[in-house]
């Protein structure tokens, strides 16, 4: 089972990484901070000073259309924001 699912590469996350040396990842919902720290350190070969986690809930929506009631669901996920040590960095674009 992989703890790291994918890195989050959005405008806000990229700005955070450039200014504050913080990187965001979508992680397994059962992973704790110690496991996340170990997984990022082994995957990218960097040292980490802190890990912050956020749990996003399931979002449900309902629309009233000509065909009737249409329901949708967006699955929940866990996000981890990793603060790297001074002088460290992760390059997501070197393998493209």
N, C-alpha and C. Protein backbone atom coordinates (compact mmCIF):
# COMPACT_ATOMS: atom_id res chain seq x y z
N UNK A 1 0.84 -1.17 0.00
CA UNK A 1 0.00 0.00 0.00
C UNK A 1 0.89 1.25 0.00
N UNK A 2 0.63 2.14 -0.93
CA UNK A 2 1.41 3.35 -1.05
C UNK A 2 0.78 4.47 -0.22
N UNK A 3 1.58 5.17 0.54
CA UNK A 3 1.07 6.26 1.36
C UNK A 3 0.89 7.51 0.52
N UNK A 4 1.87 7.83 -0.32
CA UNK A 4 1.76 9.00 -1.19
C UNK A 4 0.98 8.63 -2.44
N UNK A 5 -0.11 9.33 -2.71
CA UNK A 5 -0.91 9.04 -3.90
C UNK A 5 -0.45 9.91 -5.06
N UNK A 6 -0.40 11.23 -4.87
CA UNK A 6 0.09 12.12 -5.91
C UNK A 6 0.44 13.47 -5.30
N UNK A 7 1.37 14.20 -5.93
CA UNK A 7 1.64 15.56 -5.48
C UNK A 7 0.55 16.50 -6.00
N UNK A 8 0.30 17.55 -5.26
CA UNK A 8 -0.67 18.56 -5.68
C UNK A 8 0.11 19.68 -6.36
N UNK A 9 -0.16 19.86 -7.65
CA UNK A 9 0.53 20.89 -8.42
C UNK A 9 -0.52 21.88 -8.90
N UNK A 10 -0.85 22.83 -8.05
CA UNK A 10 -1.78 23.90 -8.39
C UNK A 10 -1.03 25.22 -8.28
N UNK A 11 -1.71 26.28 -8.64
CA UNK A 11 -1.09 27.60 -8.56
C UNK A 11 -0.74 27.96 -7.11
N UNK A 12 -1.66 27.67 -6.21
CA UNK A 12 -1.43 27.98 -4.80
C UNK A 12 -0.31 27.12 -4.21
N UNK A 13 -0.30 25.83 -4.54
CA UNK A 13 0.73 24.94 -4.01
C UNK A 13 2.11 25.27 -4.58
N UNK A 14 2.17 25.65 -5.85
CA UNK A 14 3.45 26.02 -6.46
C UNK A 14 3.99 27.30 -5.84
N UNK A 15 3.11 28.26 -5.60
CA UNK A 15 3.52 29.51 -4.95
C UNK A 15 4.02 29.24 -3.53
N UNK A 16 3.36 28.34 -2.82
CA UNK A 16 3.77 27.94 -1.48
C UNK A 16 5.15 27.30 -1.49
N UNK A 17 5.41 26.46 -2.49
CA UNK A 17 6.71 25.79 -2.56
C UNK A 17 7.84 26.77 -2.90
N UNK A 18 7.54 27.76 -3.73
CA UNK A 18 8.58 28.73 -4.08
C UNK A 18 8.89 29.70 -2.95
N UNK A 19 7.87 30.14 -2.24
CA UNK A 19 8.08 31.14 -1.19
C UNK A 19 8.48 30.54 0.16
N UNK A 20 7.81 29.45 0.55
CA UNK A 20 7.97 28.93 1.91
C UNK A 20 8.57 27.54 1.99
N UNK A 21 8.90 26.94 0.86
CA UNK A 21 9.51 25.61 0.81
C UNK A 21 8.58 24.55 1.40
N UNK A 22 7.26 24.68 1.09
CA UNK A 22 6.24 23.72 1.54
C UNK A 22 5.65 23.04 0.31
N UNK A 23 5.46 21.73 0.39
CA UNK A 23 4.92 20.96 -0.72
C UNK A 23 3.68 20.20 -0.26
N UNK A 24 2.71 20.05 -1.17
CA UNK A 24 1.45 19.42 -0.82
C UNK A 24 1.30 18.09 -1.56
N UNK A 25 0.74 17.11 -0.87
CA UNK A 25 0.53 15.78 -1.42
C UNK A 25 -0.86 15.28 -1.04
N UNK A 26 -1.48 14.50 -1.94
CA UNK A 26 -2.66 13.72 -1.57
C UNK A 26 -2.12 12.41 -1.03
N UNK A 27 -2.55 12.05 0.18
CA UNK A 27 -2.02 10.86 0.84
C UNK A 27 -3.15 9.90 1.19
N UNK A 28 -2.77 8.71 1.61
CA UNK A 28 -3.74 7.71 2.06
C UNK A 28 -4.46 8.23 3.29
N UNK A 29 -5.77 8.01 3.35
CA UNK A 29 -6.57 8.58 4.43
C UNK A 29 -6.27 7.95 5.79
N UNK A 30 -5.63 6.80 5.82
CA UNK A 30 -5.30 6.15 7.09
C UNK A 30 -3.87 6.43 7.55
N UNK A 31 -3.10 7.20 6.79
CA UNK A 31 -1.70 7.47 7.12
C UNK A 31 -1.61 8.55 8.18
N UNK A 32 -0.64 8.39 9.09
CA UNK A 32 -0.41 9.43 10.09
C UNK A 32 0.81 10.27 9.69
N UNK A 33 1.13 11.27 10.50
CA UNK A 33 2.19 12.22 10.15
C UNK A 33 3.56 11.56 10.09
N UNK A 34 3.82 10.62 10.96
CA UNK A 34 5.13 9.94 10.99
C UNK A 34 5.31 9.11 9.71
N UNK A 35 4.27 8.40 9.31
CA UNK A 35 4.34 7.60 8.08
C UNK A 35 4.49 8.48 6.85
N UNK A 36 3.80 9.61 6.82
CA UNK A 36 3.90 10.54 5.69
C UNK A 36 5.31 11.11 5.60
N UNK A 37 5.87 11.49 6.74
CA UNK A 37 7.23 12.03 6.78
C UNK A 37 8.24 11.01 6.26
N UNK A 38 8.13 9.78 6.71
CA UNK A 38 9.04 8.73 6.26
C UNK A 38 8.89 8.45 4.76
N UNK A 39 7.65 8.44 4.25
CA UNK A 39 7.41 8.16 2.83
C UNK A 39 7.98 9.25 1.94
N UNK A 40 7.83 10.52 2.32
CA UNK A 40 8.36 11.62 1.51
C UNK A 40 9.88 11.62 1.56
N UNK A 41 10.44 11.36 2.72
CA UNK A 41 11.91 11.34 2.84
C UNK A 41 12.52 10.23 2.00
N UNK A 42 11.91 9.05 1.97
CA UNK A 42 12.47 7.96 1.17
C UNK A 42 12.20 8.15 -0.33
N UNK A 43 11.05 8.73 -0.69
CA UNK A 43 10.72 8.88 -2.10
C UNK A 43 11.55 9.97 -2.77
N UNK A 44 11.79 11.08 -2.07
CA UNK A 44 12.45 12.22 -2.69
C UNK A 44 13.83 12.51 -2.14
N UNK A 45 14.25 11.84 -1.09
CA UNK A 45 15.60 12.01 -0.55
C UNK A 45 15.83 13.38 0.08
N UNK A 46 14.84 13.88 0.80
CA UNK A 46 14.95 15.19 1.46
C UNK A 46 14.69 15.02 2.95
N UNK A 47 15.08 16.03 3.72
CA UNK A 47 14.78 16.01 5.15
C UNK A 47 13.63 16.97 5.43
N UNK A 48 12.73 16.57 6.33
CA UNK A 48 11.49 17.28 6.57
C UNK A 48 11.49 17.82 8.00
N UNK A 49 11.03 19.07 8.14
CA UNK A 49 10.95 19.65 9.48
C UNK A 49 9.57 19.52 10.09
N UNK A 50 8.48 19.58 9.29
CA UNK A 50 7.15 19.42 9.87
C UNK A 50 6.17 18.92 8.81
N UNK A 51 5.08 18.32 9.30
CA UNK A 51 4.01 17.80 8.44
C UNK A 51 2.68 18.28 9.01
N UNK A 52 1.84 18.84 8.14
CA UNK A 52 0.48 19.24 8.52
C UNK A 52 -0.49 18.46 7.65
N UNK A 53 -1.57 17.96 8.24
CA UNK A 53 -2.54 17.18 7.50
C UNK A 53 -3.91 17.82 7.55
N UNK A 54 -4.69 17.62 6.48
CA UNK A 54 -6.05 18.13 6.38
C UNK A 54 -6.92 17.03 5.81
N UNK A 55 -8.07 16.79 6.43
CA UNK A 55 -9.04 15.82 5.93
C UNK A 55 -10.17 16.57 5.24
N UNK A 56 -10.38 16.28 3.97
CA UNK A 56 -11.47 16.88 3.22
C UNK A 56 -12.63 15.90 3.17
N UNK A 57 -13.83 16.33 3.51
CA UNK A 57 -14.97 15.41 3.56
C UNK A 57 -15.56 15.13 2.19
N UNK A 58 -16.43 14.14 2.13
CA UNK A 58 -17.18 13.84 0.91
C UNK A 58 -18.16 14.98 0.65
N UNK A 59 -18.24 15.42 -0.62
CA UNK A 59 -19.17 16.48 -0.97
C UNK A 59 -20.25 15.90 -1.87
N UNK A 60 -21.51 16.14 -1.48
CA UNK A 60 -22.65 15.68 -2.27
C UNK A 60 -23.38 16.89 -2.82
N UNK A 61 -23.90 16.76 -4.05
CA UNK A 61 -24.70 17.83 -4.62
C UNK A 61 -25.91 17.26 -5.35
N UNK A 62 -26.93 18.08 -5.47
CA UNK A 62 -28.17 17.70 -6.11
C UNK A 62 -28.57 18.79 -7.09
N UNK A 63 -28.98 18.39 -8.29
CA UNK A 63 -29.44 19.34 -9.30
C UNK A 63 -30.84 18.94 -9.75
N UNK A 64 -31.66 19.93 -9.99
CA UNK A 64 -32.98 19.71 -10.54
C UNK A 64 -32.92 20.04 -12.03
N UNK A 65 -33.06 19.02 -12.88
CA UNK A 65 -32.97 19.20 -14.32
C UNK A 65 -34.26 18.75 -14.98
N UNK A 66 -34.27 18.85 -16.33
CA UNK A 66 -35.45 18.39 -17.08
C UNK A 66 -35.66 16.89 -16.91
N UNK A 67 -34.58 16.16 -16.74
CA UNK A 67 -34.67 14.71 -16.59
C UNK A 67 -35.04 14.30 -15.17
N UNK A 68 -35.08 15.25 -14.26
CA UNK A 68 -35.43 14.93 -12.89
C UNK A 68 -34.31 15.29 -11.93
N UNK A 69 -34.29 14.63 -10.83
CA UNK A 69 -33.32 14.89 -9.78
C UNK A 69 -32.01 14.15 -10.10
N UNK A 70 -30.92 14.89 -10.22
CA UNK A 70 -29.61 14.31 -10.51
C UNK A 70 -28.71 14.56 -9.31
N UNK A 71 -28.14 13.49 -8.77
CA UNK A 71 -27.25 13.61 -7.63
C UNK A 71 -25.83 13.27 -8.04
N UNK A 72 -24.89 13.91 -7.40
CA UNK A 72 -23.48 13.65 -7.65
C UNK A 72 -22.72 13.59 -6.35
N UNK A 73 -21.52 13.03 -6.42
CA UNK A 73 -20.68 12.91 -5.22
C UNK A 73 -19.23 13.14 -5.62
N UNK A 74 -18.52 13.84 -4.76
CA UNK A 74 -17.08 14.04 -4.92
C UNK A 74 -16.43 13.40 -3.71
N UNK A 75 -15.55 12.44 -3.92
CA UNK A 75 -15.00 11.66 -2.83
C UNK A 75 -14.08 12.51 -1.95
N UNK A 76 -13.99 12.15 -0.69
CA UNK A 76 -13.13 12.83 0.25
C UNK A 76 -11.70 12.33 0.14
N UNK A 77 -10.77 13.13 0.63
CA UNK A 77 -9.36 12.74 0.58
C UNK A 77 -8.61 13.42 1.72
N UNK A 78 -7.37 12.99 1.91
CA UNK A 78 -6.50 13.57 2.93
C UNK A 78 -5.34 14.26 2.23
N UNK A 79 -5.04 15.46 2.67
CA UNK A 79 -3.97 16.25 2.08
C UNK A 79 -2.91 16.49 3.13
N UNK A 80 -1.65 16.38 2.74
CA UNK A 80 -0.53 16.64 3.65
C UNK A 80 0.32 17.77 3.10
N UNK A 81 0.62 18.73 3.95
CA UNK A 81 1.52 19.82 3.59
C UNK A 81 2.83 19.59 4.34
N UNK A 82 3.90 19.45 3.57
CA UNK A 82 5.20 19.06 4.12
C UNK A 82 6.14 20.25 4.05
N UNK A 83 6.70 20.62 5.20
CA UNK A 83 7.69 21.70 5.28
C UNK A 83 9.08 21.07 5.24
N UNK A 84 9.86 21.43 4.22
CA UNK A 84 11.20 20.87 4.09
C UNK A 84 12.19 21.67 4.93
N UNK A 85 13.32 21.04 5.23
CA UNK A 85 14.37 21.72 5.98
C UNK A 85 15.00 22.79 5.10
N UNK A 86 15.72 23.68 5.72
CA UNK A 86 16.34 24.80 5.02
C UNK A 86 17.35 24.29 3.98
N UNK A 87 17.24 24.77 2.76
CA UNK A 87 18.16 24.38 1.70
C UNK A 87 17.73 23.17 0.88
N UNK A 88 16.65 22.51 1.25
CA UNK A 88 16.15 21.34 0.53
C UNK A 88 15.09 21.79 -0.48
N UNK A 89 14.91 20.98 -1.54
CA UNK A 89 13.83 21.24 -2.51
C UNK A 89 13.49 19.95 -3.24
N UNK A 90 12.27 19.93 -3.79
CA UNK A 90 11.78 18.81 -4.58
C UNK A 90 11.46 19.33 -5.97
N UNK A 91 11.95 18.61 -7.00
CA UNK A 91 11.66 19.00 -8.38
C UNK A 91 10.73 17.96 -8.98
N UNK A 92 9.46 18.34 -9.18
CA UNK A 92 8.47 17.43 -9.75
C UNK A 92 8.60 17.31 -11.27
N UNK A 93 9.27 18.25 -11.92
CA UNK A 93 9.27 18.31 -13.38
C UNK A 93 10.52 17.73 -14.04
N UNK A 94 11.42 17.12 -13.28
CA UNK A 94 12.67 16.62 -13.88
C UNK A 94 12.48 15.35 -14.71
N UNK A 95 11.36 14.62 -14.55
CA UNK A 95 11.15 13.36 -15.26
C UNK A 95 10.29 13.52 -16.51
N UNK A 96 9.87 14.73 -16.84
CA UNK A 96 8.98 14.92 -17.99
C UNK A 96 9.67 14.83 -19.29
